[in-house]
Amino acid sequence: MLALLLLLLLLLLLLLLLLLLLLLLLLLLLLLLLLLLLLLLLLLLLLLLLAGRAIGSALFPAASSRLLRLFRSGRPSGSVAQLC
């Protein structure tokens, strides 16, 4: 009778350990999903920045070419008023 109770307790402990392992695996999967979501958000931000730069240079070509010349010349002493 005592051996049966010990066996039952051992099985219960194994089941608890299995549940804990499953919970840990679920937490790891959730963390991986969160990391993937963060990566997608960063990719979307990069895409928006690139699209904003392309739209800005298409709408204001003179200002963008002046900005490009200013940054390529290595003289960032020009003010924003001179660019406009």
C-alpha atoms as a PDB file:
ATOM      1  CA  MET A   1       0.000   0.000   0.000  1.00  0.00           C
ATOM      2  CA  LEU A   2       2.819   2.392   0.883  1.00  0.00           C
ATOM      3  CA  ALA A   3       4.623   1.561  -2.374  1.00  0.00           C
ATOM      4  CA  LEU A   4       1.467   2.356  -4.312  1.00  0.00           C
ATOM      5  CA  LEU A   5       1.159   5.734  -2.599  1.00  0.00           C
ATOM      6  CA  LEU A   6       4.816   6.515  -3.313  1.00  0.00           C
ATOM      7  CA  LEU A   7       4.341   5.522  -6.942  1.00  0.00           C
ATOM      8  CA  LEU A   8       1.280   7.755  -7.170  1.00  0.00           C
ATOM      9  CA  LEU A   9       3.216  10.634  -5.603  1.00  0.00           C
ATOM     10  CA  LEU A  10       6.058  10.092  -8.057  1.00  0.00           C
ATOM     11  CA  LEU A  11       3.634  10.125 -10.984  1.00  0.00           C
ATOM     12  CA  LEU A  12       2.067  13.304  -9.645  1.00  0.00           C
ATOM     13  CA  LEU A  13       5.487  14.931  -9.375  1.00  0.00           C
ATOM     14  CA  LEU A  14       6.318  13.873 -12.923  1.00  0.00           C
ATOM     15  CA  LEU A  15       3.049  15.347 -14.140  1.00  0.00           C
ATOM     16  CA  LEU A  16       3.791  18.592 -12.329  1.00  0.00           C
ATOM     17  CA  LEU A  17       7.258  18.689 -13.849  1.00  0.00           C
ATOM     18  CA  LEU A  18       5.785  18.085 -17.286  1.00  0.00           C
ATOM     19  CA  LEU A  19       3.299  20.899 -16.778  1.00  0.00           C
ATOM     20  CA  LEU A  20       6.088  23.209 -15.661  1.00  0.00           C
ATOM     21  CA  LEU A  21       8.117  22.289 -18.730  1.00  0.00           C
ATOM     22  CA  LEU A  22       5.112  22.950 -20.947  1.00  0.00           C
ATOM     23  CA  LEU A  23       4.595  26.332 -19.314  1.00  0.00           C
ATOM     24  CA  LEU A  24       8.241  27.185 -19.847  1.00  0.00           C
ATOM     25  CA  LEU A  25       7.983  26.178 -23.487  1.00  0.00           C
ATOM     26  CA  LEU A  26       4.882  28.329 -23.894  1.00  0.00           C
ATOM     27  CA  LEU A  27       6.676  31.275 -22.307  1.00  0.00           C
ATOM     28  CA  LEU A  28       9.611  30.787 -24.656  1.00  0.00           C
ATOM     29  CA  LEU A  29       7.259  30.693 -27.621  1.00  0.00           C
ATOM     30  CA  LEU A  30       5.600  33.893 -26.448  1.00  0.00           C
ATOM     31  CA  LEU A  31       8.982  35.568 -26.100  1.00  0.00           C
ATOM     32  CA  LEU A  32       9.927  34.463 -29.601  1.00  0.00           C
ATOM     33  CA  LEU A  33       6.653  35.830 -30.941  1.00  0.00           C
ATOM     34  CA  LEU A  34       7.269  39.136 -29.179  1.00  0.00           C
ATOM     35  CA  LEU A  35      10.753  39.306 -30.665  1.00  0.00           C
ATOM     36  CA  LEU A  36       9.345  38.631 -34.117  1.00  0.00           C
ATOM     37  CA  LEU A  37       6.763  41.368 -33.627  1.00  0.00           C
ATOM     38  CA  LEU A  38       9.485  43.794 -32.578  1.00  0.00           C
ATOM     39  CA  LEU A  39      11.503  42.890 -35.651  1.00  0.00           C
ATOM     40  CA  LEU A  40       8.480  43.474 -37.875  1.00  0.00           C
ATOM     41  CA  LEU A  41       7.853  46.844 -36.237  1.00  0.00           C
ATOM     42  CA  LEU A  42      11.460  47.866 -36.816  1.00  0.00           C
ATOM     43  CA  LEU A  43      11.192  46.779 -40.432  1.00  0.00           C
ATOM     44  CA  LEU A  44       8.005  48.803 -40.825  1.00  0.00           C
ATOM     45  CA  LEU A  45       9.697  51.835 -39.285  1.00  0.00           C
ATOM     46  CA  LEU A  46      12.608  51.502 -41.688  1.00  0.00           C
ATOM     47  CA  LEU A  47      10.205  51.185 -44.595  1.00  0.00           C
ATOM     48  CA  LEU A  48       8.316  54.280 -43.454  1.00  0.00           C
ATOM     49  CA  LEU A  49      11.551  56.227 -43.119  1.00  0.00           C
ATOM     50  CA  LEU A  50      12.655  55.243 -46.604  1.00  0.00           C
ATOM     51  CA  ALA A  51       9.235  56.039 -48.058  1.00  0.00           C
ATOM     52  CA  GLY A  52       9.170  59.385 -46.249  1.00  0.00           C
ATOM     53  CA  ARG A  53      12.561  60.268 -47.643  1.00  0.00           C
ATOM     54  CA  ALA A  54      11.482  59.300 -51.163  1.00  0.00           C
ATOM     55  CA  ILE A  55       8.216  61.249 -50.887  1.00  0.00           C
ATOM     56  CA  GLY A  56      10.009  64.253 -49.397  1.00  0.00           C
ATOM     57  CA  SER A  57      12.585  64.346 -52.162  1.00  0.00           C
ATOM     58  CA  ALA A  58       9.844  63.965 -54.777  1.00  0.00           C
ATOM     59  CA  LEU A  59       7.743  66.781 -53.329  1.00  0.00           C
ATOM     60  CA  PHE A  60      10.617  69.148 -52.578  1.00  0.00           C
ATOM     61  CA  PRO A  61      13.408  68.345 -55.047  1.00  0.00           C
ATOM     62  CA  ALA A  62      15.200  71.687 -54.690  1.00  0.00           C
ATOM     63  CA  ALA A  63      15.389  71.522 -50.915  1.00  0.00           C
ATOM     64  CA  SER A  64      16.494  67.909 -50.954  1.00  0.00           C
ATOM     65  CA  SER A  65      19.260  68.571 -53.477  1.00  0.00           C
ATOM     66  CA  ARG A  66      20.459  71.535 -51.412  1.00  0.00           C
ATOM     67  CA  LEU A  67      20.433  69.386 -48.298  1.00  0.00           C
ATOM     68  CA  LEU A  68      22.340  66.688 -50.144  1.00  0.00           C
ATOM     69  CA  ARG A  69      24.939  69.185 -51.341  1.00  0.00           C
ATOM     70  CA  LEU A  70      25.292  70.612 -47.845  1.00  0.00           C
ATOM     71  CA  PHE A  71      25.890  67.223 -46.271  1.00  0.00           C
ATOM     72  CA  ARG A  72      28.240  66.081 -49.015  1.00  0.00           C
ATOM     73  CA  SER A  73      30.354  69.219 -48.774  1.00  0.00           C
ATOM     74  CA  GLY A  74      31.073  68.495 -45.139  1.00  0.00           C
ATOM     75  CA  ARG A  75      30.127  71.985 -44.024  1.00  0.00           C
ATOM     76  CA  PRO A  76      27.136  71.691 -41.701  1.00  0.00           C
ATOM     77  CA  SER A  77      27.420  75.394 -40.865  1.00  0.00           C
ATOM     78  CA  GLY A  78      24.532  76.399 -43.132  1.00  0.00           C
ATOM     79  CA  SER A  79      21.307  77.230 -41.372  1.00  0.00           C
ATOM     80  CA  VAL A  80      17.851  75.998 -42.198  1.00  0.00           C
ATOM     81  CA  ALA A  81      16.888  79.492 -43.362  1.00  0.00           C
ATOM     82  CA  GLN A  82      19.597  79.367 -46.035  1.00  0.00           C
ATOM     83  CA  LEU A  83      18.264  76.060 -47.294  1.00  0.00           C
ATOM     84  CA  CYS A  84      14.740  77.377 -47.746  1.00  0.00           C
END
